[in-house]
C-alpha atoms as a PDB file:
ATOM      1  CA  MET A   1      15.391  -4.129   1.832  1.00  0.00           C
ATOM      2  CA  ARG A   2      13.717  -7.182   3.316  1.00  0.00           C
ATOM      3  CA  ILE A   3      10.328  -8.465   4.375  1.00  0.00           C
ATOM      4  CA  ILE A   4      10.453  -7.950   8.137  1.00  0.00           C
ATOM      5  CA  THR A   5       7.455  -9.932   9.452  1.00  0.00           C
ATOM      6  CA  GLY A   6       5.447 -13.076   8.776  1.00  0.00           C
ATOM      7  CA  LYS A   7       6.048 -16.260   6.834  1.00  0.00           C
ATOM      8  CA  TYR A   8       8.344 -14.604   4.247  1.00  0.00           C
ATOM      9  CA  LYS A   9      10.406 -12.789   6.870  1.00  0.00           C
ATOM     10  CA  GLY A  10      13.968 -12.194   5.688  1.00  0.00           C
ATOM     11  CA  TYR A  11      13.201 -12.329   1.960  1.00  0.00           C
ATOM     12  CA  ASN A  12      15.173  -9.678   0.036  1.00  0.00           C
ATOM     13  CA  ILE A  13      12.815  -7.398  -1.881  1.00  0.00           C
ATOM     14  CA  LYS A  14      13.944  -6.425  -5.354  1.00  0.00           C
ATOM     15  CA  GLY A  15      13.057  -2.998  -6.723  1.00  0.00           C
ATOM     16  CA  ASP A  16      14.208  -0.712  -3.944  1.00  0.00           C
ATOM     17  CA  ASN A  17      16.799   0.869  -6.227  1.00  0.00           C
ATOM     18  CA  ILE A  18      14.450   1.976  -9.027  1.00  0.00           C
ATOM     19  CA  ILE A  19      14.693   5.672  -9.865  1.00  0.00           C
ATOM     20  CA  GLY A  20      11.586   7.473  -8.657  1.00  0.00           C
ATOM     21  CA  THR A  21      10.890   5.082  -5.785  1.00  0.00           C
ATOM     22  CA  ARG A  22      11.438   5.760  -2.121  1.00  0.00           C
ATOM     23  CA  PRO A  23      11.035   2.540  -0.144  1.00  0.00           C
ATOM     24  CA  THR A  24       9.571   2.814   3.338  1.00  0.00           C
ATOM     25  CA  MET A  25      12.372   2.765   5.905  1.00  0.00           C
ATOM     26  CA  ASN A  26      12.370  -0.389   8.074  1.00  0.00           C
ATOM     27  CA  ARG A  27      11.798   1.534  11.309  1.00  0.00           C
ATOM     28  CA  ILE A  28       8.710   3.228   9.847  1.00  0.00           C
ATOM     29  CA  LYS A  29       7.527   0.009   8.213  1.00  0.00           C
ATOM     30  CA  GLU A  30       7.807  -1.869  11.535  1.00  0.00           C
ATOM     31  CA  SER A  31       5.711   0.764  13.287  1.00  0.00           C
ATOM     32  CA  LEU A  32       3.160   0.890  10.466  1.00  0.00           C
ATOM     33  CA  LEU A  33       2.813  -2.893  10.479  1.00  0.00           C
ATOM     34  CA  ALA A  34       2.338  -2.910  14.250  1.00  0.00           C
ATOM     35  CA  MET A  35      -0.522  -0.405  13.805  1.00  0.00           C
ATOM     36  CA  VAL A  36      -2.395  -2.621  11.294  1.00  0.00           C
ATOM     37  CA  GLN A  37      -1.253  -6.060  12.461  1.00  0.00           C
ATOM     38  CA  ASN A  38      -4.653  -7.237  13.692  1.00  0.00           C
ATOM     39  CA  LYS A  39      -6.372  -6.218  10.423  1.00  0.00           C
ATOM     40  CA  VAL A  40      -4.100  -7.886   7.829  1.00  0.00           C
ATOM     41  CA  LYS A  41      -4.956 -11.574   8.205  1.00  0.00           C
ATOM     42  CA  ASP A  42      -7.657 -12.521   5.675  1.00  0.00           C
ATOM     43  CA  ALA A  43      -7.872  -8.915   4.396  1.00  0.00           C
ATOM     44  CA  THR A  44      -8.085  -7.815   0.788  1.00  0.00           C
ATOM     45  CA  VAL A  45      -5.252  -5.308   0.422  1.00  0.00           C
ATOM     46  CA  LEU A  46      -4.404  -2.605  -2.117  1.00  0.00           C
ATOM     47  CA  ASP A  47      -0.867  -1.208  -2.369  1.00  0.00           C
ATOM     48  CA  LEU A  48      -1.893   1.696  -4.608  1.00  0.00           C
ATOM     49  CA  PHE A  49       1.414   3.484  -5.237  1.00  0.00           C
ATOM     50  CA  ALA A  50       3.283   0.208  -4.904  1.00  0.00           C
ATOM     51  CA  GLY A  51       6.838   1.153  -5.906  1.00  0.00           C
ATOM     52  CA  SER A  52       8.851  -1.825  -4.669  1.00  0.00           C
ATOM     53  CA  GLY A  53       5.656  -3.417  -3.331  1.00  0.00           C
ATOM     54  CA  SER A  54       7.067  -3.582   0.175  1.00  0.00           C
ATOM     55  CA  LEU A  55       3.789  -2.930   2.022  1.00  0.00           C
ATOM     56  CA  GLY A  56       1.765  -5.344  -0.069  1.00  0.00           C
ATOM     57  CA  LEU A  57       4.480  -8.009   0.218  1.00  0.00           C
ATOM     58  CA  GLU A  58       4.426  -7.609   4.011  1.00  0.00           C
ATOM     59  CA  SER A  59       0.654  -8.116   3.873  1.00  0.00           C
ATOM     60  CA  LEU A  60       1.100 -11.307   1.827  1.00  0.00           C
ATOM     61  CA  SER A  61       3.683 -12.456   4.368  1.00  0.00           C
ATOM     62  CA  ASN A  62       1.139 -11.867   7.144  1.00  0.00           C
ATOM     63  CA  GLU A  63      -1.584 -13.922   5.462  1.00  0.00           C
ATOM     64  CA  CYS A  64      -3.824 -11.388   3.796  1.00  0.00           C
ATOM     65  CA  LYS A  65      -6.464 -13.009   1.613  1.00  0.00           C
ATOM     66  CA  TYR A  66      -5.419 -11.172  -1.542  1.00  0.00           C
ATOM     67  CA  ALA A  67      -3.088  -8.297  -2.422  1.00  0.00           C
ATOM     68  CA  TYR A  68      -3.321  -5.956  -5.391  1.00  0.00           C
ATOM     69  CA  PHE A  69      -0.286  -3.906  -6.407  1.00  0.00           C
ATOM     70  CA  VAL A  70      -0.714  -0.818  -8.607  1.00  0.00           C
ATOM     71  CA  ASP A  71       2.006   1.349 -10.082  1.00  0.00           C
ATOM     72  CA  ASN A  72       2.522   3.298 -13.283  1.00  0.00           C
ATOM     73  CA  ASN A  73       6.271   2.555 -13.488  1.00  0.00           C
ATOM     74  CA  LEU A  74       6.925  -0.524 -15.621  1.00  0.00           C
ATOM     75  CA  ARG A  75      10.233  -1.256 -13.860  1.00  0.00           C
ATOM     76  CA  CYS A  76       8.377  -1.359 -10.534  1.00  0.00           C
ATOM     77  CA  ILE A  77       5.724  -3.659 -11.977  1.00  0.00           C
ATOM     78  CA  LYS A  78       8.384  -6.085 -13.242  1.00  0.00           C
ATOM     79  CA  ALA A  79      10.190  -6.068  -9.867  1.00  0.00           C
ATOM     80  CA  ILE A  80       6.946  -6.732  -7.958  1.00  0.00           C
ATOM     81  CA  ASP A  81       6.049  -9.554 -10.366  1.00  0.00           C
ATOM     82  CA  GLU A  82       9.486 -11.087  -9.789  1.00  0.00           C
ATOM     83  CA  ASN A  83       9.151 -10.799  -5.993  1.00  0.00           C
ATOM     84  CA  ILE A  84       5.700 -12.408  -5.985  1.00  0.00           C
ATOM     85  CA  SER A  85       6.903 -15.194  -8.268  1.00  0.00           C
ATOM     86  CA  LYS A  86       9.939 -15.958  -6.082  1.00  0.00           C
ATOM     87  CA  LEU A  87       7.704 -16.070  -2.996  1.00  0.00           C
ATOM     88  CA  GLY A  88       5.375 -18.472  -4.783  1.00  0.00           C
ATOM     89  CA  ALA A  89       2.390 -16.340  -3.761  1.00  0.00           C
ATOM     90  CA  THR A  90      -0.701 -17.031  -5.865  1.00  0.00           C
ATOM     91  CA  ASN A  91      -2.989 -14.595  -4.047  1.00  0.00           C
ATOM     92  CA  ALA A  92      -1.670 -11.423  -5.678  1.00  0.00           C
ATOM     93  CA  ARG A  93      -2.214  -9.360  -8.794  1.00  0.00           C
ATOM     94  CA  VAL A  94       0.009  -6.643 -10.217  1.00  0.00           C
ATOM     95  CA  ILE A  95      -1.608  -3.880 -12.265  1.00  0.00           C
ATOM     96  CA  TYR A  96       0.236  -1.410 -14.483  1.00  0.00           C
ATOM     97  CA  LYS A  97      -2.014   1.669 -14.347  1.00  0.00           C
ATOM     98  CA  ASP A  98      -2.259   5.235 -13.172  1.00  0.00           C
ATOM     99  CA  TYR A  99      -3.775   5.302  -9.679  1.00  0.00           C
ATOM    100  CA  MET A 100      -6.952   7.133 -10.797  1.00  0.00           C
ATOM    101  CA  LYS A 101      -7.643   4.640 -13.575  1.00  0.00           C
ATOM    102  CA  ALA A 102      -6.923   1.787 -11.155  1.00  0.00           C
ATOM    103  CA  ILE A 103      -9.465   3.105  -8.637  1.00  0.00           C
ATOM    104  CA  ASP A 104     -12.042   3.368 -11.434  1.00  0.00           C
ATOM    105  CA  TYR A 105     -11.149  -0.176 -12.560  1.00  0.00           C
ATOM    106  CA  PHE A 106     -11.693  -1.593  -9.065  1.00  0.00           C
ATOM    107  CA  ALA A 107     -15.039   0.208  -8.773  1.00  0.00           C
ATOM    108  CA  GLY A 108     -16.133  -1.129 -12.167  1.00  0.00           C
ATOM    109  CA  SER A 109     -15.064  -4.643 -11.165  1.00  0.00           C
ATOM    110  CA  ASP A 110     -16.814  -4.370  -7.770  1.00  0.00           C
ATOM    111  CA  ILE A 111     -13.551  -5.034  -5.905  1.00  0.00           C
ATOM    112  CA  LYS A 112     -13.430  -3.613  -2.375  1.00  0.00           C
ATOM    113  CA  PHE A 113     -10.596  -3.454   0.105  1.00  0.00           C
ATOM    114  CA  ASP A 114     -10.070  -3.880   3.818  1.00  0.00           C
ATOM    115  CA  ILE A 115      -6.717  -2.067   3.764  1.00  0.00           C
ATOM    116  CA  ILE A 116      -5.483   0.485   1.245  1.00  0.00           C
ATOM    117  CA  TYR A 117      -1.871   1.656   1.464  1.00  0.00           C
ATOM    118  CA  LEU A 118      -1.162   5.120   0.051  1.00  0.00           C
ATOM    119  CA  ASP A 119       2.538   5.948  -0.196  1.00  0.00           C
ATOM    120  CA  PRO A 120       2.753   8.197  -3.280  1.00  0.00           C
ATOM    121  CA  PRO A 121       5.720  10.331  -4.324  1.00  0.00           C
ATOM    122  CA  TYR A 122       5.977  12.906  -1.537  1.00  0.00           C
ATOM    123  CA  ASP A 123       6.378  15.968  -3.720  1.00  0.00           C
ATOM    124  CA  GLU A 124       3.174  15.316  -5.685  1.00  0.00           C
ATOM    125  CA  HIS A 125       0.720  15.592  -2.724  1.00  0.00           C
ATOM    126  CA  LEU A 126      -1.674  12.961  -4.084  1.00  0.00           C
ATOM    127  CA  ILE A 127      -3.156  11.534  -0.881  1.00  0.00           C
ATOM    128  CA  SER A 128      -6.196  13.828  -0.474  1.00  0.00           C
ATOM    129  CA  GLY A 129      -7.211  13.356  -4.096  1.00  0.00           C
ATOM    130  CA  ALA A 130      -6.712   9.596  -3.900  1.00  0.00           C
ATOM    131  CA  ILE A 131      -8.844   9.347  -0.741  1.00  0.00           C
ATOM    132  CA  LYS A 132     -11.632  11.405  -2.340  1.00  0.00           C
ATOM    133  CA  ARG A 133     -11.607   9.166  -5.420  1.00  0.00           C
ATOM    134  CA  ILE A 134     -11.583   6.016  -3.233  1.00  0.00           C
ATOM    135  CA  GLN A 135     -14.627   7.337  -1.350  1.00  0.00           C
ATOM    136  CA  LYS A 136     -16.428   8.451  -4.525  1.00  0.00           C
ATOM    137  CA  ASN A 137     -15.899   5.023  -6.093  1.00  0.00           C
ATOM    138  CA  ASN A 138     -16.763   3.187  -2.864  1.00  0.00           C
ATOM    139  CA  ILE A 139     -13.865   0.693  -2.991  1.00  0.00           C
ATOM    140  CA  LEU A 140     -13.176   0.636   0.780  1.00  0.00           C
ATOM    141  CA  ASN A 141     -15.153  -1.879   2.825  1.00  0.00           C
ATOM    142  CA  PRO A 142     -17.248  -0.383   5.672  1.00  0.00           C
ATOM    143  CA  ASN A 143     -14.684  -1.377   8.341  1.00  0.00           C
ATOM    144  CA  GLY A 144     -11.725  -0.800   6.047  1.00  0.00           C
ATOM    145  CA  ILE A 145      -8.776   1.498   6.661  1.00  0.00           C
ATOM    146  CA  ILE A 146      -6.546   3.708   4.561  1.00  0.00           C
ATOM    147  CA  VAL A 147      -2.900   3.845   5.638  1.00  0.00           C
ATOM    148  CA  CYS A 148      -1.018   6.930   4.448  1.00  0.00           C
ATOM    149  CA  GLU A 149       2.723   7.587   4.471  1.00  0.00           C
ATOM    150  CA  TYR A 150       3.691  11.141   3.603  1.00  0.00           C
ATOM    151  CA  ASP A 151       5.996  14.089   4.114  1.00  0.00           C
ATOM    152  CA  LYS A 152       4.754  17.656   4.674  1.00  0.00           C
ATOM    153  CA  GLU A 153       1.305  17.102   3.233  1.00  0.00           C
ATOM    154  CA  ASN A 154      -1.959  18.363   4.682  1.00  0.00           C
ATOM    155  CA  ILE A 155      -4.496  15.612   4.186  1.00  0.00           C
ATOM    156  CA  ASP A 156      -7.969  16.951   3.475  1.00  0.00           C
ATOM    157  CA  THR A 157     -10.532  14.258   4.214  1.00  0.00           C
ATOM    158  CA  ASN A 158     -13.773  13.747   6.073  1.00  0.00           C
ATOM    159  CA  MET A 159     -12.636  10.286   7.202  1.00  0.00           C
ATOM    160  CA  THR A 160     -11.880   9.624  10.860  1.00  0.00           C
ATOM    161  CA  LEU A 161      -8.219   9.653  11.856  1.00  0.00           C
ATOM    162  CA  ILE A 162      -7.699   6.582  14.047  1.00  0.00           C
ATOM    163  CA  ASN A 163      -3.909   6.610  14.414  1.00  0.00           C
ATOM    164  CA  HIS A 164      -1.045   8.986  13.634  1.00  0.00           C
ATOM    165  CA  LYS A 165       2.714   8.937  14.207  1.00  0.00           C
ATOM    166  CA  ASP A 166       5.510  11.250  13.129  1.00  0.00           C
ATOM    167  CA  TYR A 167       9.026  10.055  12.298  1.00  0.00           C
ATOM    168  CA  GLY A 168      11.069  13.189  11.802  1.00  0.00           C
ATOM    169  CA  ASP A 169       9.774  14.705   8.568  1.00  0.00           C
ATOM    170  CA  LYS A 170       7.725  11.611   7.648  1.00  0.00           C
ATOM    171  CA  SER A 171       4.273  10.738   8.991  1.00  0.00           C
ATOM    172  CA  ILE A 172       1.917   7.783   9.074  1.00  0.00           C
ATOM    173  CA  SER A 173      -1.827   8.388   9.364  1.00  0.00           C
ATOM    174  CA  ILE A 174      -4.545   5.760   9.399  1.00  0.00           C
ATOM    175  CA  TYR A 175      -8.115   6.681   8.475  1.00  0.00           C
ATOM    176  CA  LYS A 176     -11.391   4.842   8.788  1.00  0.00           C
END
């Protein structure tokens, strides 16, 4: 798996072979990035279920202001740290926490985001709960977006759906 856009284009991402991760396929990632392209530059980004960190790394490559990576798998955290280090990116932080505790941490630290990527394990159906907690803790900036990648999940939210695409059994939805 590689970074497919921006200044780090072509860099091989480590961590796509970790058990329990399911990296975003390049075709889906390309489409997703096209949908958010005009919002990434200078944005504060959260890759909440980071896995390999692919979406956050793409954001760093496309000049986001700062990227936070959260995962509760230590092997993923180490791989993301290694990727960030090899890129020489200094505008990133990797956090080893459960997603609920991470959202609470950001709220307590008064950290807000312009883009939040939610790509949790498909079979756990965590997106609706994560969005509710994000809203409750007010960590999304007023013009911010939440980008969701999922499979066969009904997302229950009062946010406005601004873009949606299906790719076979996988879907991308963007909420504001």
